[in-house]
Amino acid sequence: MSQFDATAFQDATGVSRETLERLSAYERLLRKWQPKINLVGPSTLPDLWRRHFLDSAQLYPLLPDAAQVLVDLGSGAGFPGLVLAILGVPEVHLIESDSRKAVFLREAARAAGVTVTVHNKRIETVNGIEADVVTARALAPLADLFGWSFPFLGSRGTALFLKGQALDDELTAAAASGWTMRIERFDSRSDPTGTILRVSDLDRA
């Protein structure tokens, strides 16, 4: 497999040169901080543009057209929330309970020249945000994600979750917990075993 670098990312996504420069500033800071804080899995560093940047950016075309406010649960190193902010989502809230990662997120947003709000709190303690979209990646089973998302979305918003091979089992467990929803599945462009789940009309029976 040929190296998937920044140029390949630009070819795959069609982002502008300015946007690519913002993402590259973010990438450089991540590589600088990685030895001090385990921001991403070390084995993924050689394929950072595919495994993390493309993995996050592929959500952008799936956002509702009028989406203004996005909440990213368990943001970690900023995937996918910070990438989506750089791509143009107007108001992005990154929720991350780890204080060191929260500091990194603020520095990475500054380096990339974008404005985001970083909440250094546990997800369930963040209140008062009415989101159009909630995102999460590799965070928790769907039943938990639905419970955390509902206070931000109600039944009117959309959730986008990057999920792996346990998706069907997680959907079964969520339904057994009383959750009802409308779902759409999209094949991941970055991981042949991955699926993007788009959720709307979320409610609890």
Protein backbone atom coordinates (compact mmCIF):
# COMPACT_ATOMS: atom_id res chain seq x y z
CA MET A 1 0.00 0.00 0.00
CA SER A 2 1.45 3.37 -0.98
CA GLN A 3 1.93 5.95 1.71
CA PHE A 4 -1.20 7.96 2.44
CA ASP A 5 0.24 11.40 3.17
CA ALA A 6 -1.13 14.95 3.26
CA THR A 7 -1.21 15.15 -0.53
CA ALA A 8 -3.15 11.89 -0.76
CA PHE A 9 -5.54 13.21 1.88
CA GLN A 10 -6.12 16.36 -0.16
CA ASP A 11 -6.73 14.28 -3.29
CA ALA A 12 -9.21 12.08 -1.40
CA THR A 13 -11.17 14.90 0.23
CA GLY A 14 -10.77 17.91 -2.06
CA VAL A 15 -9.92 20.28 0.81
CA SER A 16 -8.43 23.67 0.03
CA ARG A 17 -4.73 24.42 0.42
CA GLU A 18 -5.52 26.63 3.42
CA THR A 19 -7.46 23.84 5.11
CA LEU A 20 -4.63 21.39 4.44
CA GLU A 21 -2.18 23.82 6.03
CA ARG A 22 -4.37 24.01 9.15
CA LEU A 23 -4.56 20.23 9.34
CA SER A 24 -0.79 19.96 8.82
CA ALA A 25 -0.17 22.35 11.73
CA TYR A 26 -2.38 20.09 13.86
CA GLU A 27 -0.48 17.01 12.67
CA ARG A 28 2.91 18.52 13.53
CA LEU A 29 1.77 19.41 17.05
CA LEU A 30 0.37 15.92 17.56
CA ARG A 31 3.66 14.33 16.58
CA LYS A 32 5.49 16.71 18.93
CA TRP A 33 3.25 15.90 21.90
CA GLN A 34 2.87 12.17 21.25
CA PRO A 35 6.04 11.13 23.15
CA LYS A 36 4.80 12.98 26.26
CA ILE A 37 1.10 12.02 26.05
CA ASN A 38 -0.21 8.90 24.37
CA LEU A 39 -2.62 10.76 22.08
CA VAL A 40 -3.01 8.04 19.43
CA GLY A 41 -2.00 4.41 19.22
CA PRO A 42 1.75 4.37 18.44
CA SER A 43 1.23 1.81 15.67
CA THR A 44 -1.02 4.29 13.82
CA LEU A 45 1.55 7.10 13.63
CA PRO A 46 3.06 6.02 10.28
CA ASP A 47 -0.43 6.11 8.74
CA LEU A 48 -1.73 9.16 10.59
CA TRP A 49 -3.35 10.84 7.58
CA ARG A 50 -5.46 7.78 6.77
CA ARG A 51 -6.12 6.32 10.20
CA HIS A 52 -7.03 9.59 11.91
CA PHE A 53 -7.44 12.53 9.54
CA LEU A 54 -9.32 10.75 6.72
CA ASP A 55 -11.21 8.67 9.29
CA SER A 56 -12.50 11.92 10.79
CA ALA A 57 -12.94 13.95 7.59
CA GLN A 58 -15.17 11.34 5.99
CA LEU A 59 -17.93 12.38 8.40
CA TYR A 60 -18.09 15.91 7.00
CA PRO A 61 -20.19 15.10 3.89
CA LEU A 62 -22.60 13.14 6.10
CA LEU A 63 -23.44 16.12 8.32
CA PRO A 64 -26.92 17.65 7.98
CA ASP A 65 -26.83 20.63 5.63
CA ALA A 66 -27.87 23.14 8.28
CA ALA A 67 -25.67 21.79 11.09
CA GLN A 68 -24.24 24.61 13.18
CA VAL A 69 -23.46 23.10 16.60
CA LEU A 70 -21.49 19.87 17.01
CA VAL A 71 -20.62 18.07 20.24
CA ASP A 72 -17.75 15.55 20.11
CA LEU A 73 -17.83 13.02 22.95
CA GLY A 74 -14.53 11.83 24.44
CA SER A 75 -12.47 13.87 22.01
CA GLY A 76 -9.06 12.50 23.00
CA ALA A 77 -6.59 13.86 20.46
CA GLY A 78 -9.37 15.66 18.59
CA PHE A 79 -10.67 12.99 16.23
CA PRO A 80 -13.14 13.55 14.75
CA GLY A 81 -14.28 16.80 16.39
CA LEU A 82 -11.29 19.05 15.82
CA VAL A 83 -10.90 17.88 12.21
CA LEU A 84 -14.57 18.73 11.58
CA ALA A 85 -14.03 22.18 13.09
CA ILE A 86 -11.09 22.76 10.74
CA LEU A 87 -13.23 21.60 7.81
CA GLY A 88 -15.82 24.25 8.63
CA VAL A 89 -18.39 23.26 11.26
CA PRO A 90 -19.23 26.66 12.83
CA GLU A 91 -19.51 25.76 16.55
CA VAL A 92 -17.71 22.71 17.92
CA HIS A 93 -17.64 21.53 21.53
CA LEU A 94 -14.94 19.00 22.44
CA ILE A 95 -15.62 17.06 25.65
CA GLU A 96 -12.54 15.42 27.17
CA SER A 97 -12.13 14.44 30.83
CA ASP A 98 -8.34 13.93 30.68
CA SER A 99 -6.75 17.25 31.64
CA ARG A 100 -3.57 16.76 29.62
CA LYS A 101 -5.52 15.90 26.48
CA ALA A 102 -7.74 18.94 27.06
CA VAL A 103 -4.64 21.14 27.14
CA PHE A 104 -3.46 19.53 23.89
CA LEU A 105 -6.85 20.16 22.26
CA ARG A 106 -6.67 23.87 23.10
CA GLU A 107 -3.12 24.10 21.76
CA ALA A 108 -4.00 22.16 18.60
CA ALA A 109 -6.98 24.42 17.89
CA ARG A 110 -4.74 27.46 18.33
CA ALA A 111 -2.10 25.99 16.03
CA ALA A 112 -4.76 25.24 13.42
CA GLY A 113 -6.32 28.68 13.72
CA VAL A 114 -9.82 27.52 14.63
CA THR A 115 -12.13 28.35 17.51
CA VAL A 116 -13.54 25.46 19.53
CA THR A 117 -14.82 25.09 23.08
CA VAL A 118 -13.00 22.45 25.12
CA HIS A 119 -14.90 21.07 28.11
CA ASN A 120 -12.46 19.36 30.49
CA LYS A 121 -15.26 17.41 32.18
CA ARG A 122 -16.98 14.07 32.19
CA ILE A 123 -19.61 13.86 29.45
CA GLU A 124 -22.55 13.46 31.81
CA THR A 125 -21.67 16.68 33.68
CA VAL A 126 -21.79 18.94 30.60
CA ASN A 127 -25.15 20.72 30.36
CA GLY A 128 -26.91 23.42 28.39
CA ILE A 129 -25.73 22.68 24.84
CA GLU A 130 -28.35 22.13 22.15
CA ALA A 131 -26.45 20.30 19.40
CA ASP A 132 -27.38 19.59 15.82
CA VAL A 133 -24.85 16.77 15.67
CA VAL A 134 -23.07 14.51 18.18
CA THR A 135 -19.97 12.56 17.13
CA ALA A 136 -17.83 9.90 18.79
CA ARG A 137 -15.10 7.52 17.76
CA ALA A 138 -13.91 4.36 19.53
CA LEU A 139 -15.44 5.52 22.79
CA ALA A 140 -18.14 3.16 24.11
CA PRO A 141 -20.94 0.79 23.07
CA LEU A 142 -23.95 2.36 21.35
CA ALA A 143 -26.27 2.02 24.36
CA ASP A 144 -23.89 4.26 26.33
CA LEU A 145 -23.39 6.65 23.41
CA PHE A 146 -27.14 7.06 23.01
CA GLY A 147 -27.52 7.85 26.70
CA TRP A 148 -24.79 10.49 26.57
CA SER A 149 -26.00 11.96 23.28
CA PHE A 150 -29.70 12.33 24.07
CA PRO A 151 -29.35 15.33 26.45
CA PHE A 152 -27.59 17.25 23.66
CA LEU A 153 -29.76 16.08 20.75
CA GLY A 154 -33.15 15.10 22.00
CA SER A 155 -35.01 13.35 19.18
CA ARG A 156 -34.37 16.18 16.68
CA GLY A 157 -30.62 15.94 16.03
CA THR A 158 -28.24 13.59 14.28
CA ALA A 159 -25.46 11.40 15.65
CA LEU A 160 -22.49 10.11 13.65
CA PHE A 161 -20.53 7.27 15.21
CA LEU A 162 -17.48 5.49 13.80
CA LYS A 163 -17.92 1.84 14.69
CA GLY A 164 -16.19 -1.50 14.18
CA GLN A 165 -17.21 -5.10 13.71
CA ALA A 166 -19.32 -5.28 16.89
CA LEU A 167 -21.88 -2.84 15.45
CA ASP A 168 -24.75 -5.31 15.03
CA ASP A 169 -24.34 -6.65 18.57
CA GLU A 170 -24.28 -3.09 19.92
CA LEU A 171 -27.46 -2.19 18.02
CA THR A 172 -29.20 -5.25 19.45
CA ALA A 173 -28.13 -4.33 22.98
CA ALA A 174 -29.24 -0.71 22.52
CA ALA A 175 -32.67 -1.81 21.30
CA ALA A 176 -32.95 -4.17 24.26
CA SER A 177 -32.23 -1.17 26.52
CA GLY A 178 -35.28 0.59 25.09
CA TRP A 179 -33.69 2.88 22.52
CA THR A 180 -35.47 3.51 19.25
CA MET A 181 -33.84 5.26 16.33
CA ARG A 182 -33.52 5.54 12.57
CA ILE A 183 -30.16 4.36 11.28
CA GLU A 184 -28.16 4.61 8.09
CA ARG A 185 -24.88 2.78 7.48
CA PHE A 186 -21.95 3.96 5.37
CA ASP A 187 -18.77 2.03 4.60
CA SER A 188 -15.65 3.56 6.11
CA ARG A 189 -13.20 5.05 3.61
CA SER A 190 -10.29 4.58 6.02
CA ASP A 191 -10.91 1.13 7.50
CA PRO A 192 -12.24 -1.83 5.48
CA THR A 193 -13.76 -3.30 8.66
CA GLY A 194 -15.34 -0.03 9.81
CA THR A 195 -18.82 1.44 9.45
CA ILE A 196 -20.16 4.95 9.94
CA LEU A 197 -23.53 4.90 11.68
CA ARG A 198 -25.80 7.91 11.15
CA VAL A 199 -28.56 8.03 13.77
CA SER A 200 -31.66 10.20 13.80
CA ASP A 201 -35.05 10.21 15.55
CA LEU A 202 -33.35 8.93 18.71
CA ASP A 203 -35.75 8.23 21.56
CA ARG A 204 -36.23 5.93 24.51
CA ALA A 205 -39.34 3.83 24.83
